[in-house]
Protein backbone atom coordinates (compact mmCIF):
# COMPACT_ATOMS: atom_id res chain seq x y z
CA MET A 1 90.23 269.32 -27.02
CA ALA A 2 92.66 269.55 -24.09
CA LEU A 3 90.36 268.12 -21.40
CA ARG A 4 90.74 264.34 -21.45
CA ARG A 5 88.42 263.24 -18.66
CA GLU A 6 85.99 264.56 -16.10
CA ALA A 7 87.72 265.72 -12.95
CA GLU A 8 87.20 267.94 -9.96
CA LEU A 9 89.30 270.44 -8.07
CA PRO A 10 87.64 269.80 -4.68
CA ALA A 11 86.86 272.43 -2.07
CA ARG A 12 89.15 270.71 0.41
CA ARG A 13 92.17 271.54 -1.76
CA ILE A 14 91.26 275.23 -1.64
CA ARG A 15 90.66 274.97 2.10
CA ASP A 16 93.96 273.16 2.69
CA GLN A 17 95.82 275.71 0.56
CA ALA A 18 94.35 278.56 2.58
CA ARG A 19 95.13 276.77 5.85
CA ARG A 20 98.79 276.47 4.89
CA GLN A 21 99.07 280.11 3.83
CA ALA A 22 97.17 281.73 6.70
CA PRO A 23 100.05 281.47 9.24
CA GLU A 24 102.46 283.10 6.79
CA ILE A 25 100.17 286.08 6.29
CA ALA A 26 99.56 286.33 10.05
CA ARG A 27 103.32 286.32 10.70
CA ALA A 28 103.83 289.02 8.06
CA PHE A 29 101.25 291.21 9.81
CA LEU A 30 102.86 290.73 13.23
CA ALA A 31 106.34 291.40 11.84
CA ALA A 32 105.12 294.66 10.25
CA VAL A 33 103.55 295.79 13.51
CA ARG A 34 106.71 294.94 15.47
CA GLY A 35 108.80 296.82 12.92
CA ILE A 36 106.77 300.00 13.33
CA ARG A 37 106.83 299.75 17.13
CA ASP A 38 110.59 299.27 17.08
CA ARG A 39 111.10 302.33 14.88
CA LEU A 40 108.73 304.50 16.88
CA THR A 41 110.61 304.97 20.16
CA LEU A 42 108.64 306.51 22.99
CA LYS A 43 110.94 309.53 23.04
CA ASP A 44 110.62 310.25 19.32
CA LEU A 45 106.89 309.63 19.39
CA ALA A 46 106.41 311.84 22.46
CA ASP A 47 108.29 314.63 20.69
CA LEU A 48 106.03 314.32 17.62
CA ILE A 49 102.91 314.37 19.79
CA ASP A 50 104.17 317.27 21.88
CA GLN A 51 104.75 319.22 18.66
CA GLY A 52 101.36 318.26 17.23
CA ARG A 53 102.96 316.35 14.33
CA PHE A 54 100.54 313.41 14.47
CA GLU A 55 100.50 312.82 10.73
CA GLU A 56 104.19 311.94 10.64
CA ALA A 57 103.59 309.14 13.11
CA LEU A 58 100.42 308.01 11.36
CA ALA A 59 102.19 307.84 7.99
CA MET A 60 104.44 305.03 9.23
CA ILE A 61 101.42 302.84 9.84
CA ASP A 62 100.67 302.46 6.12
CA SER A 63 103.48 299.91 5.80
CA VAL A 64 101.34 297.30 7.59
CA GLY A 65 98.84 297.25 4.74
CA ARG A 66 101.61 297.01 2.14
CA THR A 67 103.17 294.07 3.97
CA VAL A 68 99.88 292.19 4.27
CA GLY A 69 99.07 292.95 0.63
CA GLY A 70 102.45 291.61 -0.46
CA ALA A 71 102.00 288.40 1.56
CA ALA A 72 98.52 287.93 0.11
CA GLY A 73 99.91 288.43 -3.40
CA GLN A 74 102.46 285.67 -2.80
CA ALA A 75 99.67 283.42 -1.54
CA MET A 76 97.65 284.11 -4.69
CA THR A 77 100.60 283.10 -6.88
CA GLN A 78 101.20 279.93 -4.87
CA SER A 79 97.52 279.02 -5.14
CA GLY A 80 97.53 279.50 -8.91
CA GLN A 81 100.64 277.34 -9.23
CA ALA A 82 99.14 274.64 -7.00
CA ALA A 83 95.95 274.52 -9.08
CA ALA A 84 97.98 274.34 -12.29
CA ALA A 85 100.02 271.45 -10.87
CA PHE A 86 96.80 269.61 -10.01
CA LEU A 87 95.42 270.00 -13.53
CA SER A 88 98.71 268.91 -15.05
CA SER A 89 98.71 265.68 -13.07
CA GLY A 90 96.63 262.55 -13.43
CA LYS A 91 96.12 262.89 -17.20
CA ILE A 92 93.30 265.40 -16.74
CA LEU A 93 94.55 267.47 -19.68
CA ASP A 94 96.58 266.47 -22.70
CA VAL A 95 98.74 269.59 -22.22
CA VAL A 96 100.73 270.93 -19.28
CA VAL A 97 99.08 273.90 -17.61
CA SER A 98 101.20 276.59 -16.00
CA TYR A 99 100.45 279.70 -14.00
CA ASP A 100 101.98 282.92 -15.31
CA GLN A 101 102.47 285.31 -12.41
CA THR A 102 103.59 288.01 -14.85
CA ASN A 103 100.27 287.87 -16.67
CA THR A 104 98.86 291.40 -16.89
CA ARG A 105 95.59 290.42 -15.26
CA ALA A 106 97.35 288.53 -12.44
CA VAL A 107 99.70 291.44 -11.77
CA ALA A 108 96.77 293.87 -11.75
CA ALA A 109 94.90 291.65 -9.28
CA ILE A 110 97.85 291.64 -6.90
CA GLN A 111 98.22 295.40 -7.21
CA ARG A 112 94.53 295.88 -6.45
CA SER A 113 94.80 293.60 -3.43
CA THR A 114 97.78 295.50 -2.10
CA LEU A 115 96.07 298.87 -2.59
CA ARG A 116 92.94 297.53 -0.89
CA ALA A 117 94.98 296.25 2.05
CA VAL A 118 96.79 299.58 2.41
CA ARG A 119 93.51 301.47 2.22
CA GLU A 120 91.64 299.24 4.68
CA PHE A 121 94.40 298.73 7.21
CA SER A 122 95.51 302.34 7.16
CA ALA A 123 91.98 303.66 7.62
CA GLU A 124 91.26 301.33 10.53
CA GLN A 125 94.65 301.84 12.14
CA ARG A 126 94.55 305.61 11.83
CA ALA A 127 91.13 305.59 13.45
CA ALA A 128 92.38 303.41 16.33
CA SER A 129 95.48 305.53 16.87
CA ARG A 130 93.52 308.80 16.73
CA GLN A 131 91.10 307.30 19.24
CA ALA A 132 94.02 306.48 21.55
CA LEU A 133 95.33 310.05 21.25
CA THR A 134 91.89 311.56 21.81
CA GLU A 135 91.35 309.47 24.93
CA GLY A 136 94.82 310.42 26.16
CA ILE A 137 94.05 314.11 25.74
CA ARG A 138 90.72 313.68 27.52
CA GLU A 139 92.45 311.93 30.43
CA GLY A 140 95.11 314.62 30.60
CA LEU A 141 98.03 312.30 29.92
CA ASN A 142 101.49 313.74 29.43
CA PRO A 143 103.15 313.37 25.98
CA ARG A 144 105.15 310.27 26.98
CA ASP A 145 102.08 308.41 28.31
CA MET A 146 100.16 309.45 25.21
CA ALA A 147 103.05 308.14 23.11
CA ARG A 148 102.80 304.80 24.90
CA ARG A 149 99.03 304.72 24.33
CA PHE A 150 99.56 305.55 20.65
CA ARG A 151 102.23 302.88 20.17
CA ASP A 152 100.14 300.26 21.95
CA SER A 153 97.29 300.92 19.52
CA ILE A 154 99.38 299.85 16.50
CA GLY A 155 97.95 296.69 14.99
CA LEU A 156 94.59 296.93 16.76
CA THR A 157 91.16 297.97 15.53
CA ARG A 158 89.24 300.75 17.24
CA ARG A 159 87.15 298.25 19.17
CA GLN A 160 90.24 296.32 20.25
CA GLU A 161 92.13 299.47 21.26
CA ARG A 162 89.18 300.50 23.40
CA ALA A 163 89.01 297.02 24.94
CA VAL A 164 92.67 297.26 25.95
CA ALA A 165 92.14 300.72 27.44
CA ASN A 166 89.07 299.46 29.32
CA PHE A 167 91.02 296.48 30.64
CA ARG A 168 93.56 298.89 32.14
CA ARG A 169 90.74 300.84 33.76
CA LEU A 170 89.18 297.65 35.18
CA LEU A 171 92.50 296.63 36.72
CA THR A 172 93.11 300.10 38.14
CA ASP A 173 89.58 300.23 39.59
CA GLN A 174 89.88 296.64 40.91
CA SER A 175 86.73 295.66 39.08
CA PRO A 176 85.84 291.93 39.11
CA GLU A 177 84.97 292.34 35.43
CA ALA A 178 88.70 292.22 34.67
CA LEU A 179 88.57 288.49 35.46
CA GLU A 180 85.87 287.96 32.83
CA ARG A 181 87.95 289.12 29.84
CA ARG A 182 88.52 286.09 27.63
CA LEU A 183 91.91 287.20 26.32
CA ARG A 184 93.41 288.00 29.73
CA ASP A 185 96.47 286.05 30.89
CA ARG A 186 94.99 283.80 33.56
CA ARG A 187 98.36 283.43 35.25
CA PHE A 188 97.72 286.85 36.78
CA ASP A 189 94.28 285.93 38.17
CA SER A 190 95.51 285.01 41.65
CA THR A 191 97.41 288.31 41.91
CA ILE A 192 94.30 290.26 40.87
CA ARG A 193 92.07 288.36 43.34
CA THR A 194 94.52 288.87 46.19
CA ALA A 195 94.66 292.62 45.51
CA MET A 196 90.86 292.80 45.43
CA ARG A 197 90.50 290.76 48.61
CA ASN A 198 93.02 292.90 50.47
CA GLU A 199 91.63 296.08 48.90
CA LYS A 200 95.17 296.96 47.86
CA ALA A 201 95.74 298.58 44.47
CA LEU A 202 97.91 296.83 41.91
CA SER A 203 101.18 298.61 41.25
CA THR A 204 101.66 300.52 38.01
CA ALA A 205 104.24 297.94 36.92
CA GLN A 206 101.79 295.09 37.57
CA VAL A 207 99.02 296.79 35.61
CA ASP A 208 101.36 297.59 32.74
CA LYS A 209 102.48 293.95 32.55
CA MET A 210 98.94 292.57 32.60
CA VAL A 211 97.71 295.06 30.02
CA GLU A 212 100.67 294.32 27.75
CA ARG A 213 99.90 290.60 27.80
CA TYR A 214 96.25 291.38 27.03
CA ARG A 215 97.30 293.63 24.14
CA GLN A 216 99.63 290.99 22.74
CA ARG A 217 96.88 288.38 22.80
CA TYR A 218 94.52 290.72 20.99
CA LEU A 219 97.23 291.37 18.41
CA ILE A 220 97.75 287.65 17.87
CA TYR A 221 94.00 287.14 17.58
CA ARG A 222 93.75 289.88 14.96
CA SER A 223 96.70 288.44 13.02
CA GLN A 224 94.92 285.09 12.89
CA VAL A 225 91.70 286.67 11.61
CA ILE A 226 93.65 288.54 8.94
CA GLY A 227 95.60 285.43 8.00
CA ARG A 228 92.52 283.26 7.57
CA THR A 229 90.56 285.93 5.66
CA GLU A 230 93.37 286.91 3.29
CA ALA A 231 94.51 283.32 2.71
CA LEU A 232 91.04 282.11 1.69
CA ARG A 233 90.64 285.14 -0.56
CA SER A 234 94.04 284.56 -2.18
CA ALA A 235 93.44 280.83 -2.63
CA HIS A 236 90.29 281.56 -4.63
CA GLN A 237 91.83 284.45 -6.55
CA GLY A 238 94.84 282.39 -7.62
CA THR A 239 92.72 279.42 -8.64
CA GLU A 240 90.30 281.59 -10.62
CA GLU A 241 93.17 283.32 -12.40
CA MET A 242 94.76 279.97 -13.28
CA PHE A 243 91.52 278.80 -14.92
CA ARG A 244 91.21 282.07 -16.85
CA GLN A 245 94.77 281.79 -18.12
CA ALA A 246 94.10 278.22 -19.28
CA ILE A 247 91.00 279.46 -21.13
CA ASP A 248 92.94 282.34 -22.70
CA ASP A 249 95.55 279.84 -23.94
CA GLY A 250 92.89 277.55 -25.41
CA GLN A 251 93.68 274.73 -22.98
CA LEU A 252 90.18 274.81 -21.50
CA GLN A 253 86.78 276.08 -22.59
CA ALA A 254 84.81 278.27 -20.18
CA ASN A 255 81.71 276.07 -20.49
CA GLU A 256 83.72 273.06 -19.31
CA LEU A 257 83.96 274.50 -15.79
CA VAL A 258 81.19 274.21 -13.19
CA ARG A 259 81.73 275.72 -9.76
CA THR A 260 79.89 274.66 -6.58
CA TRP A 261 79.63 276.65 -3.37
CA ASN A 262 80.52 274.68 -0.23
CA THR A 263 80.03 276.02 3.30
CA ALA A 264 81.62 274.74 6.51
CA ALA A 265 78.16 273.33 7.36
CA ASP A 266 77.95 274.50 10.97
CA GLU A 267 76.13 277.12 13.04
CA ARG A 268 78.85 279.72 12.43
CA VAL A 269 78.14 279.96 8.69
CA ARG A 270 76.57 283.29 7.67
CA HIS A 271 72.89 282.97 6.83
CA SER A 272 73.55 284.72 3.52
CA HIS A 273 76.11 282.02 2.64
CA ALA A 274 74.28 279.00 4.06
CA ARG A 275 71.58 279.19 1.42
CA LEU A 276 74.25 279.01 -1.30
CA ASN A 277 75.55 275.64 -0.13
CA GLY A 278 75.52 273.18 -3.02
CA GLN A 279 74.50 275.74 -5.63
CA ARG A 280 76.35 275.65 -8.96
CA ARG A 281 77.49 278.42 -11.27
CA PRO A 282 79.47 278.56 -14.51
CA LEU A 283 82.76 280.44 -14.42
CA GLY A 284 82.13 284.18 -14.61
CA THR A 285 78.76 284.09 -12.86
CA GLY A 286 78.57 285.59 -9.39
CA TRP A 287 76.79 284.53 -6.21
CA GLU A 288 74.10 286.79 -4.84
CA VAL A 289 74.27 287.04 -1.05
CA SER A 290 71.90 290.02 -0.82
CA SER A 291 69.95 292.36 -3.06
CA THR A 292 73.00 294.61 -3.32
CA VAL A 293 76.01 292.26 -2.99
CA THR A 294 77.22 289.62 -5.44
CA LEU A 295 80.41 287.65 -4.75
CA ASP A 296 82.69 286.32 -7.47
CA PHE A 297 83.95 283.76 -4.92
CA PRO A 298 84.23 283.42 -1.13
CA GLY A 299 86.38 286.25 0.20
CA ASP A 300 85.83 288.41 -2.89
CA PRO A 301 88.07 291.47 -2.30
CA ASP A 302 85.46 293.79 -3.80
CA ALA A 303 82.78 292.69 -1.31
CA PRO A 304 82.04 294.36 2.05
CA ALA A 305 83.86 293.02 5.11
CA GLU A 306 80.69 291.67 6.69
CA GLU A 307 80.47 289.13 3.86
CA THR A 308 84.14 288.12 3.79
CA VAL A 309 85.92 288.40 7.15
CA GLN A 310 86.59 284.91 8.54
CA CYS A 311 84.53 283.32 5.78
CA ARG A 312 85.22 279.56 5.58
CA CYS A 313 83.27 278.77 2.42
CA CYS A 314 85.11 277.25 -0.53
CA LEU A 315 84.36 276.61 -4.19
CA SER A 316 84.89 273.28 -5.86
CA THR A 317 85.29 273.18 -9.64
CA ARG A 318 84.22 270.29 -11.86
CA LEU A 319 85.75 269.98 -15.30
CA ILE A 320 83.45 268.33 -17.86
CA PRO A 321 84.67 267.43 -21.38
CA GLY A 322 82.41 268.94 -24.01
CA GLY A 323 80.94 271.44 -21.58
CA VAL A 324 77.64 271.62 -19.78
CA ASP A 325 75.14 274.30 -18.89
CA ALA A 326 75.14 274.91 -15.14
CA PRO A 327 72.24 277.15 -14.11
CA ALA A 328 71.72 277.98 -10.45
CA LYS A 329 69.69 275.42 -8.59
């Protein structure tokens, strides 16, 4: 028997691992968006739009999903290696556990994650960019202004793209509501108030600058959401895969592992997750969050976004020599 003593891989280790990896994934997303914007010059993009060749511009957007998927795959590998290092320390096992990133199942998991990221990001981005083009046509913009609107949509969701467009409208109309937008750059507030007080319109250059800062802040916000979501998902995926590899190699027995769901224990926790707090499951048993959705772990890539985006729940895993039955409480 490889397991020498009872031990636990605590939830905080998963949470800390995800916290370290989230900024890397966020930076990868931002770098991919900047890369596309740099390659899509306004002139080239205006020419494509003027010629009705929208699909050629949209095709470039798919690289964002591939970049995020690749960063998440790296995070999964790092998480598996970190979990293996934990098990190999402190005389928990009488053998050294390693994480094989070339394992067929691990490689397949990374490939699925990358394909999912490409599919999800591309679908959302294409919808946001088409929305920007549609609004530009409705407003009667010329090809260059439409190109700018299209390029500014890159990296944003449909809701965020519309928020940016609405912020421009609020500034142009001198609406006080512009000063209520949480992501605005408050350094411009005095300029906006002065223009409103004097009933003098902001210049096009001023509006462009304020809207660009607003767009950048939305982009950073989205990168952080993506980073946190993908990092937590990858931390659990890598850890789960490490345990499965150890079982395949005969270093652990499946019935020696008991997993416990841990929430962040605050008012932001989803109701469907809050009721799982403290519940235990053996490895391979899912967690029912609704009558139609069962999660393998927090951030399960096969689950709908409403159950995974910005989830902060983490699993802890107790290792018990000899095994133990662990029915749901």
